[in-house]
Full PDB file with SEQRES, HELIX, SHEET, SSBOND, CRYST1, ORIGX, SCALE, CONECT and MASTER records, all heavy atoms in Angstrom:
SEQRES   1 A   37  ASP ASP THR ALA VAL TYR TYR CYS ALA THR SER ARG THR          
SEQRES   2 A   37  VAL ILE LEU SER ASN VAL ALA SER GLN THR ALA TYR ALA          
SEQRES   3 A   37  TYR TRP GLY GLN GLY THR GLN VAL THR VAL SER                  
HELIX    1 AA1 LEU A   16  ASN A   18  5                                   3    
HELIX    2 AA2 GLN A   22  ALA A   24  5                                   3    
SHEET    1 AA1 2 ALA A   4  TYR A   6  0                                        
SHEET    2 AA1 2 THR A  32  VAL A  34 -1                                        
SHEET    1 AA2 2 ALA A   9  THR A  10  0                                        
SHEET    2 AA2 2 TYR A  27  TRP A  28 -1                                        
CRYST1    1.000    1.000    1.000  90.00  90.00  90.00 P 1           1          
ORIGX1      1.000000  0.000000  0.000000        0.00000                         
ORIGX2      0.000000  1.000000  0.000000        0.00000                         
ORIGX3      0.000000  0.000000  1.000000        0.00000                         
SCALE1      1.000000  0.000000  0.000000        0.00000                         
SCALE2      0.000000  1.000000  0.000000        0.00000                         
SCALE3      0.000000  0.000000  1.000000        0.00000                         
ATOM      1  N   ASP A   1      22.216 -58.230  55.553  1.00  0.00           N  
ATOM      2  CA  ASP A   1      22.355 -58.860  54.237  1.00  0.00           C  
ATOM      3  C   ASP A   1      23.275 -58.089  53.296  1.00  0.00           C  
ATOM      4  O   ASP A   1      23.474 -58.497  52.152  1.00  0.00           O  
ATOM      5  CB  ASP A   1      20.996 -59.115  53.585  1.00  0.00           C  
ATOM      6  CG  ASP A   1      20.203 -57.853  53.332  1.00  0.00           C  
ATOM      7  OD1 ASP A   1      20.679 -56.757  53.680  1.00  0.00           O  
ATOM      8  OD2 ASP A   1      19.096 -57.958  52.775  1.00  0.00           O  
ATOM      9  N   ASP A   2      23.847 -56.990  53.760  1.00  0.00           N  
ATOM     10  CA  ASP A   2      24.905 -56.303  53.004  1.00  0.00           C  
ATOM     11  C   ASP A   2      26.272 -56.917  53.297  1.00  0.00           C  
ATOM     12  O   ASP A   2      27.266 -56.532  52.655  1.00  0.00           O  
ATOM     13  CB  ASP A   2      24.948 -54.814  53.358  1.00  0.00           C  
ATOM     14  CG  ASP A   2      23.712 -54.059  52.896  1.00  0.00           C  
ATOM     15  OD1 ASP A   2      23.267 -54.305  51.763  1.00  0.00           O  
ATOM     16  OD2 ASP A   2      23.203 -53.229  53.680  1.00  0.00           O  
ATOM     17  N   THR A   3      26.335 -57.839  54.242  1.00  0.00           N  
ATOM     18  CA  THR A   3      27.596 -58.481  54.582  1.00  0.00           C  
ATOM     19  C   THR A   3      28.146 -59.245  53.380  1.00  0.00           C  
ATOM     20  O   THR A   3      27.460 -60.081  52.797  1.00  0.00           O  
ATOM     21  CB  THR A   3      27.406 -59.445  55.764  1.00  0.00           C  
ATOM     22  OG1 THR A   3      27.055 -58.675  56.925  1.00  0.00           O  
ATOM     23  CG2 THR A   3      28.673 -60.227  56.048  1.00  0.00           C  
ATOM     24  N   ALA A   4      29.387 -58.919  53.012  1.00  0.00           N  
ATOM     25  CA  ALA A   4      30.001 -59.528  51.834  1.00  0.00           C  
ATOM     26  C   ALA A   4      31.424 -59.007  51.701  1.00  0.00           C  
ATOM     27  O   ALA A   4      31.817 -58.057  52.381  1.00  0.00           O  
ATOM     28  CB  ALA A   4      29.216 -59.177  50.567  1.00  0.00           C  
ATOM     29  N   VAL A   5      32.162 -59.627  50.802  1.00  0.00           N  
ATOM     30  CA  VAL A   5      33.419 -59.044  50.335  1.00  0.00           C  
ATOM     31  C   VAL A   5      33.080 -58.143  49.156  1.00  0.00           C  
ATOM     32  O   VAL A   5      32.412 -58.575  48.210  1.00  0.00           O  
ATOM     33  CB  VAL A   5      34.433 -60.115  49.926  1.00  0.00           C  
ATOM     34  CG1 VAL A   5      35.701 -59.455  49.390  1.00  0.00           C  
ATOM     35  CG2 VAL A   5      34.759 -61.021  51.098  1.00  0.00           C  
ATOM     36  N   TYR A   6      33.528 -56.900  49.230  1.00  0.00           N  
ATOM     37  CA  TYR A   6      33.240 -55.917  48.192  1.00  0.00           C  
ATOM     38  C   TYR A   6      34.469 -55.745  47.311  1.00  0.00           C  
ATOM     39  O   TYR A   6      35.582 -55.536  47.806  1.00  0.00           O  
ATOM     40  CB  TYR A   6      32.846 -54.595  48.822  1.00  0.00           C  
ATOM     41  CG  TYR A   6      31.440 -54.598  49.360  1.00  0.00           C  
ATOM     42  CD1 TYR A   6      31.105 -55.351  50.491  1.00  0.00           C  
ATOM     43  CD2 TYR A   6      30.431 -53.883  48.728  1.00  0.00           C  
ATOM     44  CE1 TYR A   6      29.810 -55.386  50.981  1.00  0.00           C  
ATOM     45  CE2 TYR A   6      29.119 -53.894  49.213  1.00  0.00           C  
ATOM     46  CZ  TYR A   6      28.830 -54.654  50.333  1.00  0.00           C  
ATOM     47  OH  TYR A   6      27.541 -54.686  50.804  1.00  0.00           O  
ATOM     48  N   TYR A   7      34.227 -55.803  46.007  1.00  0.00           N  
ATOM     49  CA  TYR A   7      35.292 -55.695  45.023  1.00  0.00           C  
ATOM     50  C   TYR A   7      35.034 -54.495  44.109  1.00  0.00           C  
ATOM     51  O   TYR A   7      33.894 -54.253  43.709  1.00  0.00           O  
ATOM     52  CB  TYR A   7      35.355 -56.937  44.138  1.00  0.00           C  
ATOM     53  CG  TYR A   7      35.644 -58.224  44.851  1.00  0.00           C  
ATOM     54  CD1 TYR A   7      34.615 -59.000  45.374  1.00  0.00           C  
ATOM     55  CD2 TYR A   7      36.954 -58.679  45.008  1.00  0.00           C  
ATOM     56  CE1 TYR A   7      34.872 -60.190  46.030  1.00  0.00           C  
ATOM     57  CE2 TYR A   7      37.227 -59.877  45.665  1.00  0.00           C  
ATOM     58  CZ  TYR A   7      36.175 -60.618  46.168  1.00  0.00           C  
ATOM     59  OH  TYR A   7      36.439 -61.801  46.811  1.00  0.00           O  
ATOM     60  N   CYS A   8      36.095 -53.781  43.757  1.00  0.00           N  
ATOM     61  CA  CYS A   8      35.962 -52.779  42.713  1.00  0.00           C  
ATOM     62  C   CYS A   8      36.573 -53.321  41.416  1.00  0.00           C  
ATOM     63  O   CYS A   8      37.461 -54.182  41.452  1.00  0.00           O  
ATOM     64  CB  CYS A   8      36.602 -51.457  43.096  1.00  0.00           C  
ATOM     65  SG  CYS A   8      38.364 -51.496  43.497  1.00  0.00           S  
ATOM     66  N   ALA A   9      36.050 -52.830  40.325  1.00  0.00           N  
ATOM     67  CA  ALA A   9      36.479 -53.305  39.018  1.00  0.00           C  
ATOM     68  C   ALA A   9      36.369 -52.172  38.009  1.00  0.00           C  
ATOM     69  O   ALA A   9      35.568 -51.252  38.190  1.00  0.00           O  
ATOM     70  CB  ALA A   9      35.623 -54.490  38.575  1.00  0.00           C  
ATOM     71  N   THR A  10      37.156 -52.263  36.957  1.00  0.00           N  
ATOM     72  CA  THR A  10      37.109 -51.200  35.961  1.00  0.00           C  
ATOM     73  C   THR A  10      37.438 -51.729  34.581  1.00  0.00           C  
ATOM     74  O   THR A  10      38.068 -52.783  34.425  1.00  0.00           O  
ATOM     75  CB  THR A  10      38.090 -50.067  36.330  1.00  0.00           C  
ATOM     76  OG1 THR A  10      37.858 -48.945  35.467  1.00  0.00           O  
ATOM     77  CG2 THR A  10      39.546 -50.513  36.174  1.00  0.00           C  
ATOM     78  N   SER A  11      36.955 -51.008  33.597  1.00  0.00           N  
ATOM     79  CA  SER A  11      37.284 -51.318  32.215  1.00  0.00           C  
ATOM     80  C   SER A  11      36.931 -50.112  31.357  1.00  0.00           C  
ATOM     81  O   SER A  11      35.999 -49.369  31.679  1.00  0.00           O  
ATOM     82  CB  SER A  11      36.515 -52.545  31.730  1.00  0.00           C  
ATOM     83  OG  SER A  11      36.786 -52.790  30.368  1.00  0.00           O  
ATOM     84  N   ARG A  12      37.634 -49.949  30.256  1.00  0.00           N  
ATOM     85  CA  ARG A  12      37.317 -48.871  29.299  1.00  0.00           C  
ATOM     86  C   ARG A  12      36.366 -49.351  28.225  1.00  0.00           C  
ATOM     87  O   ARG A  12      35.914 -48.534  27.409  1.00  0.00           O  
ATOM     88  CB  ARG A  12      38.603 -48.345  28.660  1.00  0.00           C  
ATOM     89  CG  ARG A  12      39.487 -47.601  29.619  1.00  0.00           C  
ATOM     90  CD  ARG A  12      40.695 -47.000  28.952  1.00  0.00           C  
ATOM     91  NE  ARG A  12      41.477 -46.217  29.895  1.00  0.00           N  
ATOM     92  CZ  ARG A  12      42.584 -45.582  29.591  1.00  0.00           C  
ATOM     93  NH1 ARG A  12      43.047 -45.622  28.356  1.00  0.00           N  
ATOM     94  NH2 ARG A  12      43.221 -44.890  30.510  1.00  0.00           N  
ATOM     95  N   THR A  13      36.064 -50.645  28.229  1.00  0.00           N  
ATOM     96  CA  THR A  13      35.246 -51.188  27.136  1.00  0.00           C  
ATOM     97  C   THR A  13      33.863 -51.635  27.586  1.00  0.00           C  
ATOM     98  O   THR A  13      33.156 -52.294  26.840  1.00  0.00           O  
ATOM     99  CB  THR A  13      35.969 -52.381  26.481  1.00  0.00           C  
ATOM    100  OG1 THR A  13      36.186 -53.392  27.472  1.00  0.00           O  
ATOM    101  CG2 THR A  13      37.302 -51.948  25.897  1.00  0.00           C  
ATOM    102  N   VAL A  14      33.478 -51.265  28.800  1.00  0.00           N  
ATOM    103  CA  VAL A  14      32.150 -51.658  29.287  1.00  0.00           C  
ATOM    104  C   VAL A  14      31.091 -50.829  28.572  1.00  0.00           C  
ATOM    105  O   VAL A  14      31.173 -49.603  28.534  1.00  0.00           O  
ATOM    106  CB  VAL A  14      32.028 -51.423  30.798  1.00  0.00           C  
ATOM    107  CG1 VAL A  14      30.654 -51.868  31.293  1.00  0.00           C  
ATOM    108  CG2 VAL A  14      33.116 -52.155  31.549  1.00  0.00           C  
ATOM    109  N   ILE A  15      30.079 -51.498  28.030  1.00  0.00           N  
ATOM    110  CA  ILE A  15      28.976 -50.772  27.420  1.00  0.00           C  
ATOM    111  C   ILE A  15      27.828 -50.701  28.421  1.00  0.00           C  
ATOM    112  O   ILE A  15      27.718 -51.536  29.323  1.00  0.00           O  
ATOM    113  CB  ILE A  15      28.525 -51.427  26.101  1.00  0.00           C  
ATOM    114  CG1 ILE A  15      28.093 -52.877  26.327  1.00  0.00           C  
ATOM    115  CG2 ILE A  15      29.648 -51.365  25.078  1.00  0.00           C  
ATOM    116  CD1 ILE A  15      27.546 -53.548  25.083  1.00  0.00           C  
ATOM    117  N   LEU A  16      26.975 -49.722  28.223  1.00  0.00           N  
ATOM    118  CA  LEU A  16      25.934 -49.421  29.197  1.00  0.00           C  
ATOM    119  C   LEU A  16      25.045 -50.631  29.479  1.00  0.00           C  
ATOM    120  O   LEU A  16      24.654 -50.865  30.623  1.00  0.00           O  
ATOM    121  CB  LEU A  16      25.096 -48.245  28.711  1.00  0.00           C  
ATOM    122  CG  LEU A  16      24.121 -47.652  29.725  1.00  0.00           C  
ATOM    123  CD1 LEU A  16      24.864 -47.163  30.965  1.00  0.00           C  
ATOM    124  CD2 LEU A  16      23.344 -46.515  29.093  1.00  0.00           C  
ATOM    125  N   SER A  17      24.746 -51.408  28.462  1.00  0.00           N  
ATOM    126  CA  SER A  17      23.835 -52.542  28.629  1.00  0.00           C  
ATOM    127  C   SER A  17      24.481 -53.699  29.380  1.00  0.00           C  
ATOM    128  O   SER A  17      23.803 -54.664  29.726  1.00  0.00           O  
ATOM    129  CB  SER A  17      23.359 -53.030  27.256  1.00  0.00           C  
ATOM    130  OG  SER A  17      24.461 -53.459  26.480  1.00  0.00           O  
ATOM    131  N   ASN A  18      25.773 -53.615  29.639  1.00  0.00           N  
ATOM    132  CA  ASN A  18      26.503 -54.732  30.229  1.00  0.00           C  
ATOM    133  C   ASN A  18      27.173 -54.383  31.552  1.00  0.00           C  
ATOM    134  O   ASN A  18      27.994 -55.156  32.043  1.00  0.00           O  
ATOM    135  CB  ASN A  18      27.559 -55.215  29.234  1.00  0.00           C  
ATOM    136  CG  ASN A  18      27.794 -56.707  29.344  1.00  0.00           C  
ATOM    137  OD1 ASN A  18      26.919 -57.453  29.741  1.00  0.00           O  
ATOM    138  ND2 ASN A  18      28.993 -57.136  29.000  1.00  0.00           N  
ATOM    139  N   VAL A  19      26.828 -53.262  32.145  1.00  0.00           N  
ATOM    140  CA  VAL A  19      27.569 -52.783  33.322  1.00  0.00           C  
ATOM    141  C   VAL A  19      27.432 -53.706  34.525  1.00  0.00           C  
ATOM    142  O   VAL A  19      28.289 -53.691  35.407  1.00  0.00           O  
ATOM    143  CB  VAL A  19      27.138 -51.359  33.718  1.00  0.00           C  
ATOM    144  CG1 VAL A  19      27.518 -50.364  32.645  1.00  0.00           C  
ATOM    145  CG2 VAL A  19      25.663 -51.300  34.068  1.00  0.00           C  
ATOM    146  N   ALA A  20      26.385 -54.500  34.575  1.00  0.00           N  
ATOM    147  CA  ALA A  20      26.168 -55.366  35.734  1.00  0.00           C  
ATOM    148  C   ALA A  20      26.811 -56.742  35.591  1.00  0.00           C  
ATOM    149  O   ALA A  20      26.674 -57.584  36.480  1.00  0.00           O  
ATOM    150  CB  ALA A  20      24.680 -55.536  35.981  1.00  0.00           C  
ATOM    151  N   SER A  21      27.511 -56.969  34.518  1.00  0.00           N  
ATOM    152  CA  SER A  21      28.122 -58.263  34.262  1.00  0.00           C  
ATOM    153  C   SER A  21      29.584 -58.263  34.674  1.00  0.00           C  
ATOM    154  O   SER A  21      30.361 -57.405  34.251  1.00  0.00           O  
ATOM    155  CB  SER A  21      28.016 -58.606  32.774  1.00  0.00           C  
ATOM    156  OG  SER A  21      28.761 -59.774  32.489  1.00  0.00           O  
ATOM    157  N   GLN A  22      29.970 -59.262  35.460  1.00  0.00           N  
ATOM    158  CA  GLN A  22      31.368 -59.363  35.892  1.00  0.00           C  
ATOM    159  C   GLN A  22      32.317 -59.459  34.712  1.00  0.00           C  
ATOM    160  O   GLN A  22      33.425 -58.907  34.746  1.00  0.00           O  
ATOM    161  CB  GLN A  22      31.573 -60.624  36.729  1.00  0.00           C  
ATOM    162  CG  GLN A  22      30.850 -60.717  38.020  1.00  0.00           C  
ATOM    163  CD  GLN A  22      31.215 -62.014  38.712  1.00  0.00           C  
ATOM    164  OE1 GLN A  22      32.381 -62.288  38.986  1.00  0.00           O  
ATOM    165  NE2 GLN A  22      30.206 -62.818  39.008  1.00  0.00           N  
ATOM    166  N   THR A  23      31.887 -60.162  33.689  1.00  0.00           N  
ATOM    167  CA  THR A  23      32.787 -60.433  32.554  1.00  0.00           C  
ATOM    168  C   THR A  23      33.102 -59.188  31.745  1.00  0.00           C  
ATOM    169  O   THR A  23      33.995 -59.203  30.904  1.00  0.00           O  
ATOM    170  CB  THR A  23      32.181 -61.500  31.632  1.00  0.00           C  
ATOM    171  OG1 THR A  23      30.913 -61.031  31.162  1.00  0.00           O  
ATOM    172  CG2 THR A  23      31.987 -62.815  32.371  1.00  0.00           C  
ATOM    173  N   ALA A  24      32.383 -58.094  32.004  1.00  0.00           N  
ATOM    174  CA  ALA A  24      32.634 -56.847  31.276  1.00  0.00           C  
ATOM    175  C   ALA A  24      33.847 -56.091  31.792  1.00  0.00           C  
ATOM    176  O   ALA A  24      34.308 -55.153  31.154  1.00  0.00           O  
ATOM    177  CB  ALA A  24      31.397 -55.957  31.348  1.00  0.00           C  
ATOM    178  N   TYR A  25      34.379 -56.503  32.927  1.00  0.00           N  
ATOM    179  CA  TYR A  25      35.449 -55.745  33.582  1.00  0.00           C  
ATOM    180  C   TYR A  25      36.772 -56.496  33.513  1.00  0.00           C  
ATOM    181  O   TYR A  25      36.852 -57.674  33.841  1.00  0.00           O  
ATOM    182  CB  TYR A  25      35.068 -55.455  35.032  1.00  0.00           C  
ATOM    183  CG  TYR A  25      33.852 -54.585  35.120  1.00  0.00           C  
ATOM    184  CD1 TYR A  25      32.576 -55.145  35.142  1.00  0.00           C  
ATOM    185  CD2 TYR A  25      33.956 -53.197  35.137  1.00  0.00           C  
ATOM    186  CE1 TYR A  25      31.447 -54.356  35.173  1.00  0.00           C  
ATOM    187  CE2 TYR A  25      32.830 -52.400  35.180  1.00  0.00           C  
ATOM    188  CZ  TYR A  25      31.578 -52.986  35.196  1.00  0.00           C  
ATOM    189  OH  TYR A  25      30.462 -52.191  35.228  1.00  0.00           O  
ATOM    190  N   ALA A  26      37.806 -55.764  33.106  1.00  0.00           N  
ATOM    191  CA  ALA A  26      39.106 -56.390  32.885  1.00  0.00           C  
ATOM    192  C   ALA A  26      39.992 -56.377  34.127  1.00  0.00           C  
ATOM    193  O   ALA A  26      40.868 -57.231  34.276  1.00  0.00           O  
ATOM    194  CB  ALA A  26      39.825 -55.674  31.749  1.00  0.00           C  
ATOM    195  N   TYR A  27      39.785 -55.400  34.988  1.00  0.00           N  
ATOM    196  CA  TYR A  27      40.679 -55.210  36.132  1.00  0.00           C  
ATOM    197  C   TYR A  27      39.881 -55.227  37.430  1.00  0.00           C  
ATOM    198  O   TYR A  27      38.833 -54.581  37.523  1.00  0.00           O  
ATOM    199  CB  TYR A  27      41.441 -53.887  35.998  1.00  0.00           C  
ATOM    200  CG  TYR A  27      42.203 -53.782  34.707  1.00  0.00           C  
ATOM    201  CD1 TYR A  27      41.680 -53.070  33.631  1.00  0.00           C  
ATOM    202  CD2 TYR A  27      43.440 -54.408  34.555  1.00  0.00           C  
ATOM    203  CE1 TYR A  27      42.367 -52.982  32.436  1.00  0.00           C  
ATOM    204  CE2 TYR A  27      44.129 -54.322  33.353  1.00  0.00           C  
ATOM    205  CZ  TYR A  27      43.589 -53.608  32.297  1.00  0.00           C  
ATOM    206  OH  TYR A  27      44.270 -53.531  31.117  1.00  0.00           O  
ATOM    207  N   TRP A  28      40.418 -55.946  38.423  1.00  0.00           N  
ATOM    208  CA  TRP A  28      39.725 -56.135  39.694  1.00  0.00           C  
ATOM    209  C   TRP A  28      40.663 -55.841  40.855  1.00  0.00           C  
ATOM    210  O   TRP A  28      41.860 -56.154  40.799  1.00  0.00           O  
ATOM    211  CB  TRP A  28      39.221 -57.568  39.815  1.00  0.00           C  
ATOM    212  CG  TRP A  28      38.089 -57.868  38.898  1.00  0.00           C  
ATOM    213  CD1 TRP A  28      38.168 -58.189  37.569  1.00  0.00           C  
ATOM    214  CD2 TRP A  28      36.700 -57.856  39.233  1.00  0.00           C  
ATOM    215  NE1 TRP A  28      36.902 -58.368  37.068  1.00  0.00           N  
ATOM    216  CE2 TRP A  28      35.983 -58.185  38.061  1.00  0.00           C  
ATOM    217  CE3 TRP A  28      35.986 -57.618  40.409  1.00  0.00           C  
ATOM    218  CZ2 TRP A  28      34.597 -58.258  38.029  1.00  0.00           C  
ATOM    219  CZ3 TRP A  28      34.617 -57.697  40.372  1.00  0.00           C  
ATOM    220  CH2 TRP A  28      33.930 -58.008  39.200  1.00  0.00           C  
ATOM    221  N   GLY A  29      40.082 -55.270  41.918  1.00  0.00           N  
ATOM    222  CA  GLY A  29      40.823 -55.130  43.159  1.00  0.00           C  
ATOM    223  C   GLY A  29      40.734 -56.408  43.967  1.00  0.00           C  
ATOM    224  O   GLY A  29      40.047 -57.362  43.597  1.00  0.00           O  
ATOM    225  N   GLN A  30      41.385 -56.418  45.114  1.00  0.00           N  
ATOM    226  CA  GLN A  30      41.503 -57.630  45.911  1.00  0.00           C  
ATOM    227  C   GLN A  30      40.316 -57.871  46.830  1.00  0.00           C  
ATOM    228  O   GLN A  30      40.196 -58.947  47.387  1.00  0.00           O  
ATOM    229  CB  GLN A  30      42.783 -57.582  46.770  1.00  0.00           C  
ATOM    230  CG  GLN A  30      42.652 -56.850  48.091  1.00  0.00           C  
ATOM    231  CD  GLN A  30      42.512 -55.343  47.947  1.00  0.00           C  
ATOM    232  OE1 GLN A  30      42.491 -54.784  46.854  1.00  0.00           O  
ATOM    233  NE2 GLN A  30      42.403 -54.664  49.086  1.00  0.00           N  
ATOM    234  N   GLY A  31      39.451 -56.899  47.008  1.00  0.00           N  
ATOM    235  CA  GLY A  31      38.289 -57.067  47.866  1.00  0.00           C  
ATOM    236  C   GLY A  31      38.520 -56.565  49.271  1.00  0.00           C  
ATOM    237  O   GLY A  31      39.635 -56.610  49.795  1.00  0.00           O  
ATOM    238  N   THR A  32      37.431 -56.093  49.878  1.00  0.00           N  
ATOM    239  CA  THR A  32      37.477 -55.639  51.261  1.00  0.00           C  
ATOM    240  C   THR A  32      36.221 -56.151  51.958  1.00  0.00           C  
ATOM    241  O   THR A  32      35.127 -56.085  51.414  1.00  0.00           O  
ATOM    242  CB  THR A  32      37.602 -54.099  51.347  1.00  0.00           C  
ATOM    243  OG1 THR A  32      37.733 -53.693  52.707  1.00  0.00           O  
ATOM    244  CG2 THR A  32      36.416 -53.387  50.710  1.00  0.00           C  
ATOM    245  N   GLN A  33      36.393 -56.691  53.152  1.00  0.00           N  
ATOM    246  CA  GLN A  33      35.293 -57.349  53.865  1.00  0.00           C  
ATOM    247  C   GLN A  33      34.423 -56.321  54.579  1.00  0.00           C  
ATOM    248  O   GLN A  33      34.930 -55.474  55.320  1.00  0.00           O  
ATOM    249  CB  GLN A  33      35.847 -58.341  54.892  1.00  0.00           C  
ATOM    250  CG  GLN A  33      34.794 -58.999  55.763  1.00  0.00           C  
ATOM    251  CD  GLN A  33      33.937 -59.990  55.007  1.00  0.00           C  
ATOM    252  OE1 GLN A  33      34.445 -60.829  54.263  1.00  0.00           O  
ATOM    253  NE2 GLN A  33      32.613 -59.916  55.189  1.00  0.00           N  
ATOM    254  N   VAL A  34      33.127 -56.437  54.363  1.00  0.00           N  
ATOM    255  CA  VAL A  34      32.144 -55.638  55.093  1.00  0.00           C  
ATOM    256  C   VAL A  34      31.258 -56.598  55.871  1.00  0.00           C  
ATOM    257  O   VAL A  34      30.664 -57.501  55.287  1.00  0.00           O  
ATOM    258  CB  VAL A  34      31.294 -54.782  54.135  1.00  0.00           C  
ATOM    259  CG1 VAL A  34      30.151 -54.115  54.889  1.00  0.00           C  
ATOM    260  CG2 VAL A  34      32.160 -53.744  53.441  1.00  0.00           C  
ATOM    261  N   THR A  35      31.182 -56.398  57.182  1.00  0.00           N  
ATOM    262  CA  THR A  35      30.356 -57.248  58.024  1.00  0.00           C  
ATOM    263  C   THR A  35      29.395 -56.360  58.808  1.00  0.00           C  
ATOM    264  O   THR A  35      29.825 -55.442  59.492  1.00  0.00           O  
ATOM    265  CB  THR A  35      31.208 -58.069  58.998  1.00  0.00           C  
ATOM    266  OG1 THR A  35      32.158 -58.852  58.257  1.00  0.00           O  
ATOM    267  CG2 THR A  35      30.333 -58.994  59.833  1.00  0.00           C  
ATOM    268  N   VAL A  36      28.107 -56.652  58.653  1.00  0.00           N  
ATOM    269  CA  VAL A  36      27.073 -55.870  59.333  1.00  0.00           C  
ATOM    270  C   VAL A  36      26.402 -56.774  60.362  1.00  0.00           C  
ATOM    271  O   VAL A  36      25.810 -57.798  60.000  1.00  0.00           O  
ATOM    272  CB  VAL A  36      26.044 -55.317  58.346  1.00  0.00           C  
ATOM    273  CG1 VAL A  36      25.043 -54.420  59.079  1.00  0.00           C  
ATOM    274  CG2 VAL A  36      26.729 -54.553  57.226  1.00  0.00           C  
ATOM    275  N   SER A  37      26.488 -56.395  61.614  1.00  0.00           N  
ATOM    276  CA  SER A  37      25.902 -57.204  62.679  1.00  0.00           C  
ATOM    277  C   SER A  37      24.494 -56.712  63.008  1.00  0.00           C  
ATOM    278  O   SER A  37      24.194 -55.522  62.896  1.00  0.00           O  
ATOM    279  CB  SER A  37      26.781 -57.132  63.923  1.00  0.00           C  
ATOM    280  OG  SER A  37      26.843 -55.805  64.408  1.00  0.00           O  
TER     281      SER A  37                                                      
MASTER        0    0    0    2    4    0    0    6  280    1    0    3          
END                                                                             
């Protein structure tokens, strides 16, 4: 169940209470596939 596309993201304006929200991040990588059999 860890199988997914993993993305990294960053922002200088993320506040602690909002770190789990996608909309808090301005910049995103392209993703890398992780498949667990």
